[in-house]
Amino acid sequence: MLGPRDIRELADRLNIRPTKSLGQNFVIDANTVRRIVRSADVGKADIVLEVGPGLGSLTLGLAAAAAGVIAVEVDPVLANALPDTIAAHRPDLASRVDVLEADALRLARIDGVQPTALVANLPYNIAVPVLLHVLASFPTVSTALVMVQREVADRLAAEPGNKVYGIPSVKARWYGDVRSVGRVGPSVFWPAPRVDSGLVSVTRGPVRTTSSSRDEVFAVVDAAFAQRRKTLRAALSGWAGSPTRAEEILTAAGVDSGLRGEALTVDEFIRIAEVGPRVVHPSSDAH
């Protein structure tokens, strides 16, 4: 494991200064690394996709627990240094770590063995897009354990009816079960952020059988939360074509048009998307 002194010495040697634009807050606490690995429940059959390995503290913990780690790092200096760091601290694990210098948001495929789990300390500014992109692009990823800003963690894990339940909450649930698995204080990072972090797990569920595509369902979700204070009848009027058409679709889907988006489950959003293209009343077009 890399401790605070190891991290700072390594950063000095590489002339690395954590940048806010890349969301670089490196984990310096070995107990936190152990906690993340334990919470992720990865084993010798897993290939872990780690986004943003940074200086490698979590990478070492994951490599010791899993069959392999695919570390995706956008910073070329960090990407080039990571293999040497692994070899220096745990040469027995060097063959288990493959480093890809890439932007995780543009990563559409991985050659060779496919990842089975996502475990990452995600940059705060792109945490939700990265999580959703990985789940969409790599169906072999059956579990995810991500450390994100506490506010983002609360939103991802929120249940319908919660005041912070919103677009990330619904879209993450498209893929499976989402839950909060704990808080992490600022002191375990260098530099220390001004906010707490949270651990969120996603367990992928069965492939959804629906006549609507994921993008069609997500379009309904986006419309419903674009104006949170409006009822679904009003919020979905643009998506549906008119308030009258929106009410017709909602009624056909068995959803109360007077509710707001924050009250709906992902399954209810799916029903709305499924009914939407099929409810066509020319007489309502004038409304």
Protein backbone atom coordinates (compact mmCIF):
# COMPACT_ATOMS: atom_id res chain seq x y z
CA MET A 1 0.00 0.00 0.00
CA LEU A 2 1.08 3.58 -0.57
CA GLY A 3 1.05 5.84 2.46
CA PRO A 4 1.07 9.65 2.65
CA ARG A 5 4.87 9.81 2.47
CA ASP A 6 4.98 7.44 -0.52
CA ILE A 7 2.37 9.49 -2.37
CA ARG A 8 4.13 12.81 -1.83
CA GLU A 9 7.56 11.44 -2.71
CA LEU A 10 6.17 9.91 -5.87
CA ALA A 11 4.39 13.12 -6.80
CA ASP A 12 7.60 15.12 -6.23
CA ARG A 13 9.63 12.73 -8.34
CA LEU A 14 7.12 13.01 -11.19
CA ASN A 15 6.71 16.76 -10.66
CA ILE A 16 2.99 16.18 -10.21
CA ARG A 17 0.78 18.80 -8.64
CA PRO A 18 -2.84 17.66 -8.33
CA THR A 19 -5.06 19.69 -10.63
CA LYS A 20 -8.64 20.69 -9.95
CA SER A 21 -9.51 20.49 -13.66
CA LEU A 22 -8.79 16.74 -13.64
CA GLY A 23 -10.40 16.26 -10.24
CA GLN A 24 -7.21 14.83 -8.80
CA ASN A 25 -7.51 13.98 -5.11
CA PHE A 26 -5.24 11.03 -4.36
CA VAL A 27 -6.09 8.50 -1.64
CA ILE A 28 -3.29 8.41 0.93
CA ASP A 29 -4.86 6.19 3.59
CA ALA A 30 -4.25 2.44 3.40
CA ASN A 31 -7.28 1.64 5.57
CA THR A 32 -9.53 3.48 3.10
CA VAL A 33 -8.06 1.45 0.24
CA ARG A 34 -8.75 -1.75 2.17
CA ARG A 35 -12.28 -0.56 2.89
CA ILE A 36 -12.98 0.14 -0.77
CA VAL A 37 -11.60 -3.21 -1.89
CA ARG A 38 -13.60 -5.00 0.78
CA SER A 39 -16.81 -3.12 -0.08
CA ALA A 40 -16.31 -3.85 -3.78
CA ASP A 41 -16.17 -7.58 -2.94
CA VAL A 42 -13.86 -8.37 -5.85
CA GLY A 43 -12.15 -11.72 -6.01
CA LYS A 44 -9.75 -13.83 -8.02
CA ALA A 45 -12.26 -14.27 -10.82
CA ASP A 46 -12.67 -10.52 -11.37
CA ILE A 47 -11.09 -8.17 -13.86
CA VAL A 48 -11.46 -4.72 -12.37
CA LEU A 49 -11.82 -1.57 -14.43
CA GLU A 50 -10.32 1.30 -12.45
CA VAL A 51 -10.93 4.79 -13.81
CA GLY A 52 -8.45 7.42 -12.68
CA PRO A 53 -5.85 5.31 -10.84
CA GLY A 54 -3.69 8.37 -10.25
CA LEU A 55 -0.53 7.45 -8.37
CA GLY A 56 -1.67 3.87 -7.81
CA SER A 57 -2.69 3.50 -4.17
CA LEU A 58 -6.05 1.88 -4.94
CA THR A 59 -4.59 0.03 -7.93
CA LEU A 60 -2.22 -1.90 -5.64
CA GLY A 61 -5.09 -2.93 -3.36
CA LEU A 62 -7.25 -4.04 -6.26
CA ALA A 63 -4.45 -5.97 -7.97
CA ALA A 64 -3.83 -7.92 -4.78
CA ALA A 65 -7.49 -8.95 -4.54
CA ALA A 66 -8.51 -9.48 -8.18
CA ALA A 67 -7.32 -11.49 -11.15
CA GLY A 68 -6.41 -8.30 -12.96
CA VAL A 69 -6.86 -4.54 -13.17
CA ILE A 70 -7.43 -2.42 -16.26
CA ALA A 71 -6.38 1.05 -15.14
CA VAL A 72 -7.67 3.87 -17.35
CA GLU A 73 -5.75 7.11 -16.84
CA VAL A 74 -6.14 10.29 -18.91
CA ASP A 75 -3.00 12.00 -17.56
CA PRO A 76 -0.03 10.76 -19.67
CA VAL A 77 2.50 11.34 -16.89
CA LEU A 78 0.51 9.28 -14.41
CA ALA A 79 -0.28 6.61 -17.00
CA ASN A 80 3.40 6.19 -17.89
CA ALA A 81 4.50 6.08 -14.26
CA LEU A 82 1.94 3.59 -12.95
CA PRO A 83 3.60 0.36 -14.21
CA ASP A 84 6.89 1.36 -12.58
CA THR A 85 5.10 2.16 -9.32
CA ILE A 86 3.44 -1.26 -9.26
CA ALA A 87 6.73 -2.99 -10.11
CA ALA A 88 8.58 -1.09 -7.38
CA HIS A 89 6.11 -1.76 -4.58
CA ARG A 90 4.63 -5.13 -5.55
CA PRO A 91 6.59 -6.74 -8.38
CA ASP A 92 4.52 -9.90 -7.94
CA LEU A 93 1.43 -7.94 -9.05
CA ALA A 94 2.93 -6.20 -12.08
CA SER A 95 1.55 -8.72 -14.56
CA ARG A 96 -1.97 -8.20 -13.24
CA VAL A 97 -2.18 -4.50 -14.14
CA ASP A 98 -2.75 -3.16 -17.65
CA VAL A 99 -2.66 0.61 -18.04
CA LEU A 100 -4.65 2.38 -20.74
CA GLU A 101 -3.92 6.02 -21.40
CA ALA A 102 -7.39 7.15 -22.38
CA ASP A 103 -10.32 9.37 -21.55
CA ALA A 104 -12.81 7.08 -19.82
CA LEU A 105 -15.72 9.02 -21.32
CA ARG A 106 -14.47 8.16 -24.82
CA LEU A 107 -13.55 4.57 -24.09
CA ALA A 108 -15.92 2.45 -26.17
CA ARG A 109 -14.13 -0.90 -26.20
CA ILE A 110 -11.33 -2.83 -24.54
CA ASP A 111 -9.38 -5.49 -26.37
CA GLY A 112 -8.85 -8.86 -24.78
CA VAL A 113 -10.29 -9.91 -21.44
CA GLN A 114 -13.33 -7.84 -20.49
CA PRO A 115 -13.86 -6.14 -17.12
CA THR A 116 -16.30 -7.66 -14.66
CA ALA A 117 -16.30 -4.86 -12.08
CA LEU A 118 -15.82 -1.11 -11.91
CA VAL A 119 -14.00 0.19 -8.83
CA ALA A 120 -12.83 3.78 -8.83
CA ASN A 121 -12.19 6.99 -6.96
CA LEU A 122 -13.92 9.10 -9.59
CA PRO A 123 -13.15 12.76 -10.27
CA TYR A 124 -16.00 14.77 -8.80
CA ASN A 125 -16.73 16.75 -11.95
CA ILE A 126 -17.36 13.73 -14.21
CA ALA A 127 -18.40 11.04 -11.75
CA VAL A 128 -21.96 10.44 -12.94
CA PRO A 129 -21.17 10.55 -16.69
CA VAL A 130 -18.30 8.09 -16.22
CA LEU A 131 -20.38 5.67 -14.15
CA LEU A 132 -23.26 5.69 -16.64
CA HIS A 133 -20.91 5.45 -19.63
CA VAL A 134 -19.11 2.41 -18.24
CA LEU A 135 -22.37 0.65 -17.38
CA ALA A 136 -23.71 1.36 -20.87
CA SER A 137 -20.54 0.49 -22.79
CA PHE A 138 -19.37 -2.61 -20.90
CA PRO A 139 -22.21 -5.04 -20.18
CA THR A 140 -19.72 -7.49 -18.67
CA VAL A 141 -19.36 -5.11 -15.70
CA SER A 142 -21.77 -6.70 -13.24
CA THR A 143 -20.87 -4.62 -10.18
CA ALA A 144 -19.59 -1.13 -9.52
CA LEU A 145 -18.21 0.52 -6.40
CA VAL A 146 -17.36 4.18 -6.84
CA MET A 147 -16.18 6.87 -4.48
CA VAL A 148 -17.73 10.22 -5.35
CA GLN A 149 -18.55 13.56 -3.75
CA ARG A 150 -21.04 13.03 -0.93
CA GLU A 151 -23.70 15.14 -2.65
CA VAL A 152 -23.38 13.01 -5.79
CA ALA A 153 -23.49 9.82 -3.72
CA ASP A 154 -26.70 10.99 -2.05
CA ARG A 155 -28.29 11.69 -5.43
CA LEU A 156 -27.27 8.37 -6.94
CA ALA A 157 -28.58 6.37 -3.97
CA ALA A 158 -31.75 8.41 -3.36
CA GLU A 159 -35.10 6.63 -3.52
CA PRO A 160 -38.24 8.03 -5.20
CA GLY A 161 -39.81 10.73 -3.07
CA ASN A 162 -36.49 11.93 -1.68
CA LYS A 163 -35.81 15.61 -2.36
CA VAL A 164 -32.47 14.81 -4.05
CA TYR A 165 -33.88 11.98 -6.17
CA GLY A 166 -33.34 12.98 -9.78
CA ILE A 167 -31.83 12.15 -13.15
CA PRO A 168 -28.72 10.34 -11.82
CA SER A 169 -30.89 8.31 -9.42
CA VAL A 170 -33.20 7.07 -12.17
CA LYS A 171 -30.58 6.45 -14.84
CA ALA A 172 -28.35 4.47 -12.49
CA ARG A 173 -31.35 2.31 -11.57
CA TRP A 174 -31.90 1.47 -15.21
CA TYR A 175 -28.89 -0.82 -14.81
CA GLY A 176 -29.67 -2.36 -11.43
CA ASP A 177 -29.74 -1.94 -7.68
CA VAL A 178 -28.06 1.20 -6.30
CA ARG A 179 -27.17 1.79 -2.68
CA SER A 180 -24.98 3.86 -0.43
CA VAL A 181 -22.31 1.90 1.40
CA GLY A 182 -20.67 4.57 3.53
CA ARG A 183 -19.02 7.95 3.94
CA VAL A 184 -15.39 8.96 3.56
CA GLY A 185 -13.86 12.03 5.19
CA PRO A 186 -11.56 14.55 3.48
CA SER A 187 -8.47 13.62 5.50
CA VAL A 188 -7.82 10.42 3.53
CA PHE A 189 -7.04 12.43 0.38
CA TRP A 190 -4.20 14.58 -0.84
CA PRO A 191 -5.01 17.33 -1.36
CA ALA A 192 -7.93 17.18 1.06
CA PRO A 193 -11.19 18.25 -0.61
CA ARG A 194 -13.54 20.63 1.15
CA VAL A 195 -16.35 18.09 1.19
CA ASP A 196 -16.96 14.53 2.33
CA SER A 197 -17.11 11.68 -0.15
CA GLY A 198 -19.44 8.71 -0.35
CA LEU A 199 -19.21 5.12 -1.55
CA VAL A 200 -21.96 3.95 -3.88
CA SER A 201 -22.46 0.43 -5.20
CA VAL A 202 -24.37 -0.70 -8.27
CA THR A 203 -25.31 -4.33 -8.83
CA ARG A 204 -26.40 -4.92 -12.39
CA GLY A 205 -29.82 -6.48 -12.78
CA PRO A 206 -31.27 -8.56 -15.62
CA VAL A 207 -31.34 -6.99 -19.07
CA ARG A 208 -34.53 -4.95 -19.28
CA THR A 209 -37.10 -6.20 -21.73
CA THR A 210 -38.89 -3.15 -23.06
CA SER A 211 -40.15 -1.96 -26.41
CA SER A 212 -38.46 1.38 -25.79
CA SER A 213 -34.72 1.89 -26.01
CA ARG A 214 -32.62 3.18 -23.15
CA ASP A 215 -32.27 6.53 -24.93
CA GLU A 216 -36.05 6.82 -25.30
CA VAL A 217 -36.56 6.16 -21.60
CA PHE A 218 -33.80 8.57 -20.65
CA ALA A 219 -35.42 11.26 -22.82
CA VAL A 220 -38.55 10.97 -20.66
CA VAL A 221 -36.44 11.17 -17.50
CA ASP A 222 -34.61 14.28 -18.74
CA ALA A 223 -37.89 15.98 -19.62
CA ALA A 224 -39.53 15.11 -16.30
CA PHE A 225 -36.72 16.65 -14.26
CA ALA A 226 -35.98 19.64 -16.49
CA GLN A 227 -38.53 21.58 -14.47
CA ARG A 228 -38.71 19.78 -11.14
CA ARG A 229 -41.53 21.84 -9.66
CA LYS A 230 -43.92 21.15 -12.51
CA THR A 231 -46.32 18.25 -12.62
CA LEU A 232 -45.66 15.51 -15.13
CA ARG A 233 -48.47 16.80 -17.33
CA ALA A 234 -46.67 20.12 -17.71
CA ALA A 235 -43.08 18.85 -17.56
CA LEU A 236 -43.65 16.26 -20.31
CA SER A 237 -45.69 18.52 -22.59
CA GLY A 238 -42.70 19.37 -24.77
CA TRP A 239 -41.64 15.74 -25.05
CA ALA A 240 -45.19 14.58 -25.79
CA GLY A 241 -46.17 17.46 -28.08
CA SER A 242 -48.71 19.14 -25.83
CA PRO A 243 -50.05 19.01 -22.25
CA THR A 244 -53.11 17.13 -23.50
CA ARG A 245 -50.97 14.51 -25.25
CA ALA A 246 -48.82 14.18 -22.13
CA GLU A 247 -51.88 13.51 -19.99
CA GLU A 248 -53.14 10.92 -22.44
CA ILE A 249 -49.81 9.11 -22.38
CA LEU A 250 -49.57 9.23 -18.60
CA THR A 251 -53.10 7.91 -18.18
CA ALA A 252 -52.42 5.07 -20.60
CA ALA A 253 -49.23 4.27 -18.67
CA GLY A 254 -51.11 4.19 -15.38
CA VAL A 255 -49.24 7.18 -13.95
CA ASP A 256 -50.93 10.09 -12.17
CA SER A 257 -50.36 13.20 -14.31
CA GLY A 258 -50.42 15.36 -11.18
CA LEU A 259 -47.28 13.77 -9.78
CA ARG A 260 -43.77 15.15 -10.23
CA GLY A 261 -40.81 13.28 -11.65
CA GLU A 262 -39.26 12.76 -8.23
CA ALA A 263 -42.14 10.43 -7.29
CA LEU A 264 -41.62 7.93 -10.12
CA THR A 265 -39.63 4.72 -10.22
CA VAL A 266 -37.56 3.73 -13.22
CA ASP A 267 -40.23 1.17 -14.15
CA GLU A 268 -42.84 3.93 -14.33
CA PHE A 269 -40.60 5.98 -16.61
CA ILE A 270 -40.24 2.90 -18.80
CA ARG A 271 -44.03 2.51 -19.02
CA ILE A 272 -44.39 6.15 -20.07
CA ALA A 273 -41.77 5.73 -22.80
CA GLU A 274 -43.42 2.53 -24.02
CA VAL A 275 -46.87 4.12 -24.27
CA GLY A 276 -45.73 7.47 -25.64
CA PRO A 277 -45.08 6.56 -29.28
CA ARG A 278 -48.29 4.56 -29.42
CA VAL A 279 -50.81 7.14 -28.19
CA VAL A 280 -51.68 9.28 -31.17
CA HIS A 281 -54.88 11.35 -31.25
CA PRO A 282 -54.86 13.82 -34.16
CA SER A 283 -57.55 15.87 -32.47
CA SER A 284 -55.20 16.69 -29.62
CA ASP A 285 -52.50 18.12 -31.87
CA ALA A 286 -54.15 21.51 -31.84
CA HIS A 287 -53.87 21.88 -28.07
